[in-house]
Amino acid sequence: MDFRDVARSAFIGYRENLQDALSGLTSSELRWQPSPNSNHALWLTSHIARVEGIWITRYIGG
């Protein structure tokens, strides 16, 4: 097992935890912002996906 296998496993586990955390939330809850200067859960999730895509492509291989 090399670092790619460890990273893949971590990303899979993280994705499953994120899905569990977001499942069952309503559209309003997903777009709720704790303050006007903060981001909602949908924006944060899309940002996480973009960054992880970069990491996977650059360090793990698509």
PDB file of N, CA and C in Angstrom:
ATOM      1  N   MET A   1       0.848  -1.175   0.000  1.00  0.00           N
ATOM      2  CA  MET A   1       0.000   0.000   0.000  1.00  0.00           C
ATOM      3  C   MET A   1       0.893   1.237   0.000  1.00  0.00           C
ATOM      4  N   ASP A   2       0.668   2.135  -0.965  1.00  0.00           N
ATOM      5  CA  ASP A   2       1.450   3.373  -1.006  1.00  0.00           C
ATOM      6  C   ASP A   2       0.557   4.553  -0.638  1.00  0.00           C
ATOM      7  N   PHE A   3       1.105   5.760  -0.716  1.00  0.00           N
ATOM      8  CA  PHE A   3       0.386   6.952  -0.282  1.00  0.00           C
ATOM      9  C   PHE A   3      -0.884   7.170  -1.096  1.00  0.00           C
ATOM     10  N   ARG A   4      -0.899   6.731  -2.342  1.00  0.00           N
ATOM     11  CA  ARG A   4      -2.099   6.894  -3.172  1.00  0.00           C
ATOM     12  C   ARG A   4      -3.263   6.079  -2.610  1.00  0.00           C
ATOM     13  N   ASP A   5      -2.971   4.873  -2.177  1.00  0.00           N
ATOM     14  CA  ASP A   5      -4.009   4.028  -1.583  1.00  0.00           C
ATOM     15  C   ASP A   5      -4.549   4.639  -0.289  1.00  0.00           C
ATOM     16  N   VAL A   6      -3.662   5.163   0.513  1.00  0.00           N
ATOM     17  CA  VAL A   6      -4.068   5.800   1.766  1.00  0.00           C
ATOM     18  C   VAL A   6      -4.931   7.027   1.467  1.00  0.00           C
ATOM     19  N   ALA A   7      -4.500   7.841   0.515  1.00  0.00           N
ATOM     20  CA  ALA A   7      -5.259   9.046   0.158  1.00  0.00           C
ATOM     21  C   ALA A   7      -6.625   8.680  -0.413  1.00  0.00           C
ATOM     22  N   ARG A   8      -6.680   7.691  -1.293  1.00  0.00           N
ATOM     23  CA  ARG A   8      -7.973   7.251  -1.850  1.00  0.00           C
ATOM     24  C   ARG A   8      -8.924   6.827  -0.742  1.00  0.00           C
ATOM     25  N   SER A   9      -8.418   6.039   0.183  1.00  0.00           N
ATOM     26  CA  SER A   9      -9.232   5.563   1.292  1.00  0.00           C
ATOM     27  C   SER A   9      -9.745   6.741   2.123  1.00  0.00           C
ATOM     28  N   ALA A  10      -8.891   7.710   2.370  1.00  0.00           N
ATOM     29  CA  ALA A  10      -9.294   8.887   3.148  1.00  0.00           C
ATOM     30  C   ALA A  10     -10.371   9.684   2.415  1.00  0.00           C
ATOM     31  N   PHE A  11     -10.209   9.883   1.112  1.00  0.00           N
ATOM     32  CA  PHE A  11     -11.210  10.627   0.341  1.00  0.00           C
ATOM     33  C   PHE A  11     -12.551   9.895   0.318  1.00  0.00           C
ATOM     34  N   ILE A  12     -12.514   8.583   0.201  1.00  0.00           N
ATOM     35  CA  ILE A  12     -13.757   7.795   0.198  1.00  0.00           C
ATOM     36  C   ILE A  12     -14.460   7.924   1.547  1.00  0.00           C
ATOM     37  N   GLY A  13     -13.705   7.798   2.615  1.00  0.00           N
ATOM     38  CA  GLY A  13     -14.280   7.933   3.950  1.00  0.00           C
ATOM     39  C   GLY A  13     -14.845   9.328   4.185  1.00  0.00           C
ATOM     40  N   TYR A  14     -14.110  10.330   3.731  1.00  0.00           N
ATOM     41  CA  TYR A  14     -14.568  11.712   3.883  1.00  0.00           C
ATOM     42  C   TYR A  14     -15.867  11.928   3.110  1.00  0.00           C
ATOM     43  N   ARG A  15     -15.935  11.421   1.872  1.00  0.00           N
ATOM     44  CA  ARG A  15     -17.139  11.570   1.053  1.00  0.00           C
ATOM     45  C   ARG A  15     -18.339  10.916   1.728  1.00  0.00           C
ATOM     46  N   GLU A  16     -18.140   9.730   2.267  1.00  0.00           N
ATOM     47  CA  GLU A  16     -19.239   9.037   2.947  1.00  0.00           C
ATOM     48  C   GLU A  16     -19.719   9.825   4.162  1.00  0.00           C
ATOM     49  N   ASN A  17     -18.794  10.379   4.933  1.00  0.00           N
ATOM     50  CA  ASN A  17     -19.172  11.181   6.099  1.00  0.00           C
ATOM     51  C   ASN A  17     -19.906  12.451   5.685  1.00  0.00           C
ATOM     52  N   LEU A  18     -19.459  13.081   4.620  1.00  0.00           N
ATOM     53  CA  LEU A  18     -20.116  14.286   4.124  1.00  0.00           C
ATOM     54  C   LEU A  18     -21.533  13.969   3.649  1.00  0.00           C
ATOM     55  N   GLN A  19     -21.688  12.870   2.915  1.00  0.00           N
ATOM     56  CA  GLN A  19     -23.022  12.463   2.461  1.00  0.00           C
ATOM     57  C   GLN A  19     -23.950  12.215   3.644  1.00  0.00           C
ATOM     58  N   ASP A  20     -23.451  11.562   4.670  1.00  0.00           N
ATOM     59  CA  ASP A  20     -24.249  11.311   5.870  1.00  0.00           C
ATOM     60  C   ASP A  20     -24.657  12.622   6.540  1.00  0.00           C
ATOM     61  N   ALA A  21     -23.735  13.573   6.603  1.00  0.00           N
ATOM     62  CA  ALA A  21     -24.010  14.846   7.267  1.00  0.00           C
ATOM     63  C   ALA A  21     -25.047  15.675   6.507  1.00  0.00           C
ATOM     64  N   LEU A  22     -25.033  15.594   5.172  1.00  0.00           N
ATOM     65  CA  LEU A  22     -25.935  16.422   4.367  1.00  0.00           C
ATOM     66  C   LEU A  22     -27.262  15.747   4.064  1.00  0.00           C
ATOM     67  N   SER A  23     -27.310  14.428   4.174  1.00  0.00           N
ATOM     68  CA  SER A  23     -28.541  13.721   3.820  1.00  0.00           C
ATOM     69  C   SER A  23     -29.664  14.122   4.773  1.00  0.00           C
ATOM     70  N   GLY A  24     -30.825  14.296   4.219  1.00  0.00           N
ATOM     71  CA  GLY A  24     -31.985  14.652   5.028  1.00  0.00           C
ATOM     72  C   GLY A  24     -32.177  16.135   5.243  1.00  0.00           C
ATOM     73  N   LEU A  25     -31.184  16.952   4.862  1.00  0.00           N
ATOM     74  CA  LEU A  25     -31.351  18.396   5.008  1.00  0.00           C
ATOM     75  C   LEU A  25     -32.248  18.929   3.895  1.00  0.00           C
ATOM     76  N   THR A  26     -33.057  19.896   4.226  1.00  0.00           N
ATOM     77  CA  THR A  26     -33.917  20.519   3.217  1.00  0.00           C
ATOM     78  C   THR A  26     -33.105  21.502   2.382  1.00  0.00           C
ATOM     79  N   SER A  27     -33.691  21.945   1.296  1.00  0.00           N
ATOM     80  CA  SER A  27     -33.028  22.930   0.442  1.00  0.00           C
ATOM     81  C   SER A  27     -32.724  24.206   1.232  1.00  0.00           C
ATOM     82  N   SER A  28     -33.650  24.611   2.058  1.00  0.00           N
ATOM     83  CA  SER A  28     -33.442  25.813   2.890  1.00  0.00           C
ATOM     84  C   SER A  28     -32.293  25.614   3.867  1.00  0.00           C
ATOM     85  N   GLU A  29     -32.215  24.438   4.458  1.00  0.00           N
ATOM     86  CA  GLU A  29     -31.134  24.160   5.404  1.00  0.00           C
ATOM     87  C   GLU A  29     -29.787  24.124   4.695  1.00  0.00           C
ATOM     88  N   LEU A  30     -29.738  23.588   3.496  1.00  0.00           N
ATOM     89  CA  LEU A  30     -28.482  23.530   2.742  1.00  0.00           C
ATOM     90  C   LEU A  30     -28.000  24.917   2.318  1.00  0.00           C
ATOM     91  N   ARG A  31     -28.939  25.856   2.199  1.00  0.00           N
ATOM     92  CA  ARG A  31     -28.578  27.220   1.783  1.00  0.00           C
ATOM     93  C   ARG A  31     -28.509  28.211   2.947  1.00  0.00           C
ATOM     94  N   TRP A  32     -28.710  27.717   4.170  1.00  0.00           N
ATOM     95  CA  TRP A  32     -28.683  28.589   5.347  1.00  0.00           C
ATOM     96  C   TRP A  32     -27.271  29.102   5.597  1.00  0.00           C
ATOM     97  N   GLN A  33     -27.153  30.390   5.928  1.00  0.00           N
ATOM     98  CA  GLN A  33     -25.865  30.998   6.244  1.00  0.00           C
ATOM     99  C   GLN A  33     -25.896  31.503   7.681  1.00  0.00           C
ATOM    100  N   PRO A  34     -24.937  31.126   8.499  1.00  0.00           N
ATOM    101  CA  PRO A  34     -24.923  31.569   9.889  1.00  0.00           C
ATOM    102  C   PRO A  34     -24.773  33.080  10.037  1.00  0.00           C
ATOM    103  N   SER A  35     -24.157  33.709   9.053  1.00  0.00           N
ATOM    104  CA  SER A  35     -24.026  35.166   9.040  1.00  0.00           C
ATOM    105  C   SER A  35     -23.967  35.619   7.585  1.00  0.00           C
ATOM    106  N   PRO A  36     -24.215  36.886   7.327  1.00  0.00           N
ATOM    107  CA  PRO A  36     -24.202  37.365   5.938  1.00  0.00           C
ATOM    108  C   PRO A  36     -22.851  37.195   5.231  1.00  0.00           C
ATOM    109  N   ASN A  37     -21.780  37.114   5.985  1.00  0.00           N
ATOM    110  CA  ASN A  37     -20.445  36.981   5.392  1.00  0.00           C
ATOM    111  C   ASN A  37     -19.956  35.539   5.313  1.00  0.00           C
ATOM    112  N   SER A  38     -20.820  34.591   5.619  1.00  0.00           N
ATOM    113  CA  SER A  38     -20.416  33.183   5.585  1.00  0.00           C
ATOM    114  C   SER A  38     -21.021  32.487   4.368  1.00  0.00           C
ATOM    115  N   ASN A  39     -20.563  31.283   4.124  1.00  0.00           N
ATOM    116  CA  ASN A  39     -21.045  30.492   2.987  1.00  0.00           C
ATOM    117  C   ASN A  39     -21.986  29.402   3.475  1.00  0.00           C
ATOM    118  N   HIS A  40     -22.897  29.013   2.593  1.00  0.00           N
ATOM    119  CA  HIS A  40     -23.825  27.942   2.942  1.00  0.00           C
ATOM    120  C   HIS A  40     -23.212  26.584   2.611  1.00  0.00           C
ATOM    121  N   ALA A  41     -23.861  25.528   3.069  1.00  0.00           N
ATOM    122  CA  ALA A  41     -23.328  24.168   2.938  1.00  0.00           C
ATOM    123  C   ALA A  41     -23.136  23.759   1.482  1.00  0.00           C
ATOM    124  N   LEU A  42     -24.035  24.163   0.590  1.00  0.00           N
ATOM    125  CA  LEU A  42     -23.886  23.786  -0.820  1.00  0.00           C
ATOM    126  C   LEU A  42     -22.637  24.422  -1.434  1.00  0.00           C
ATOM    127  N   TRP A  43     -22.383  25.681  -1.119  1.00  0.00           N
ATOM    128  CA  TRP A  43     -21.182  26.333  -1.644  1.00  0.00           C
ATOM    129  C   TRP A  43     -19.933  25.647  -1.099  1.00  0.00           C
ATOM    130  N   LEU A  44     -19.940  25.381   0.210  1.00  0.00           N
ATOM    131  CA  LEU A  44     -18.777  24.733   0.818  1.00  0.00           C
ATOM    132  C   LEU A  44     -18.528  23.357   0.216  1.00  0.00           C
ATOM    133  N   THR A  45     -19.601  22.621  -0.030  1.00  0.00           N
ATOM    134  CA  THR A  45     -19.463  21.287  -0.617  1.00  0.00           C
ATOM    135  C   THR A  45     -18.880  21.362  -2.021  1.00  0.00           C
ATOM    136  N   SER A  46     -19.346  22.325  -2.819  1.00  0.00           N
ATOM    137  CA  SER A  46     -18.798  22.451  -4.181  1.00  0.00           C
ATOM    138  C   SER A  46     -17.335  22.884  -4.138  1.00  0.00           C
ATOM    139  N   HIS A  47     -16.987  23.738  -3.200  1.00  0.00           N
ATOM    140  CA  HIS A  47     -15.589  24.163  -3.061  1.00  0.00           C
ATOM    141  C   HIS A  47     -14.706  22.971  -2.668  1.00  0.00           C
ATOM    142  N   ILE A  48     -15.173  22.178  -1.716  1.00  0.00           N
ATOM    143  CA  ILE A  48     -14.432  20.990  -1.294  1.00  0.00           C
ATOM    144  C   ILE A  48     -14.213  20.053  -2.485  1.00  0.00           C
ATOM    145  N   ALA A  49     -15.262  19.849  -3.286  1.00  0.00           N
ATOM    146  CA  ALA A  49     -15.157  18.949  -4.444  1.00  0.00           C
ATOM    147  C   ALA A  49     -14.134  19.463  -5.455  1.00  0.00           C
ATOM    148  N   ARG A  50     -14.129  20.773  -5.705  1.00  0.00           N
ATOM    149  CA  ARG A  50     -13.149  21.331  -6.654  1.00  0.00           C
ATOM    150  C   ARG A  50     -11.726  21.136  -6.146  1.00  0.00           C
ATOM    151  N   VAL A  51     -11.506  21.429  -4.880  1.00  0.00           N
ATOM    152  CA  VAL A  51     -10.163  21.305  -4.309  1.00  0.00           C
ATOM    153  C   VAL A  51      -9.719  19.844  -4.295  1.00  0.00           C
ATOM    154  N   GLU A  52     -10.615  18.942  -3.900  1.00  0.00           N
ATOM    155  CA  GLU A  52     -10.255  17.525  -3.893  1.00  0.00           C
ATOM    156  C   GLU A  52      -9.962  17.031  -5.302  1.00  0.00           C
ATOM    157  N   GLY A  53     -10.709  17.523  -6.286  1.00  0.00           N
ATOM    158  CA  GLY A  53     -10.440  17.145  -7.671  1.00  0.00           C
ATOM    159  C   GLY A  53      -9.034  17.532  -8.089  1.00  0.00           C
ATOM    160  N   ILE A  54      -8.613  18.700  -7.681  1.00  0.00           N
ATOM    161  CA  ILE A  54      -7.246  19.156  -7.975  1.00  0.00           C
ATOM    162  C   ILE A  54      -6.232  18.243  -7.296  1.00  0.00           C
ATOM    163  N   TRP A  55      -6.465  17.945  -6.013  1.00  0.00           N
ATOM    164  CA  TRP A  55      -5.537  17.075  -5.279  1.00  0.00           C
ATOM    165  C   TRP A  55      -5.443  15.701  -5.924  1.00  0.00           C
ATOM    166  N   ILE A  56      -6.588  15.141  -6.253  1.00  0.00           N
ATOM    167  CA  ILE A  56      -6.593  13.800  -6.838  1.00  0.00           C
ATOM    168  C   ILE A  56      -5.851  13.784  -8.162  1.00  0.00           C
ATOM    169  N   THR A  57      -6.155  14.761  -9.007  1.00  0.00           N
ATOM    170  CA  THR A  57      -5.505  14.826 -10.318  1.00  0.00           C
ATOM    171  C   THR A  57      -4.008  15.035 -10.171  1.00  0.00           C
ATOM    172  N   ARG A  58      -3.613  15.914  -9.292  1.00  0.00           N
ATOM    173  CA  ARG A  58      -2.204  16.288  -9.168  1.00  0.00           C
ATOM    174  C   ARG A  58      -1.369  15.243  -8.420  1.00  0.00           C
ATOM    175  N   TYR A  59      -1.907  14.678  -7.368  1.00  0.00           N
ATOM    176  CA  TYR A  59      -1.085  13.844  -6.482  1.00  0.00           C
ATOM    177  C   TYR A  59      -1.408  12.344  -6.525  1.00  0.00           C
ATOM    178  N   ILE A  60      -2.638  12.015  -6.841  1.00  0.00           N
ATOM    179  CA  ILE A  60      -3.020  10.614  -6.795  1.00  0.00           C
ATOM    180  C   ILE A  60      -3.138  10.032  -8.195  1.00  0.00           C
ATOM    181  N   GLY A  61      -3.575  10.838  -9.097  1.00  0.00           N
ATOM    182  CA  GLY A  61      -3.839  10.368 -10.460  1.00  0.00           C
ATOM    183  C   GLY A  61      -5.312  10.054 -10.609  1.00  0.00           C
ATOM    184  N   GLY A  62      -5.917  10.608 -11.690  1.00  0.00           N
ATOM    185  CA  GLY A  62      -7.355  10.479 -11.935  1.00  0.00           C
ATOM    186  C   GLY A  62      -7.810   9.087 -11.865  1.00  0.00           C
TER     187      GLY A  62
END
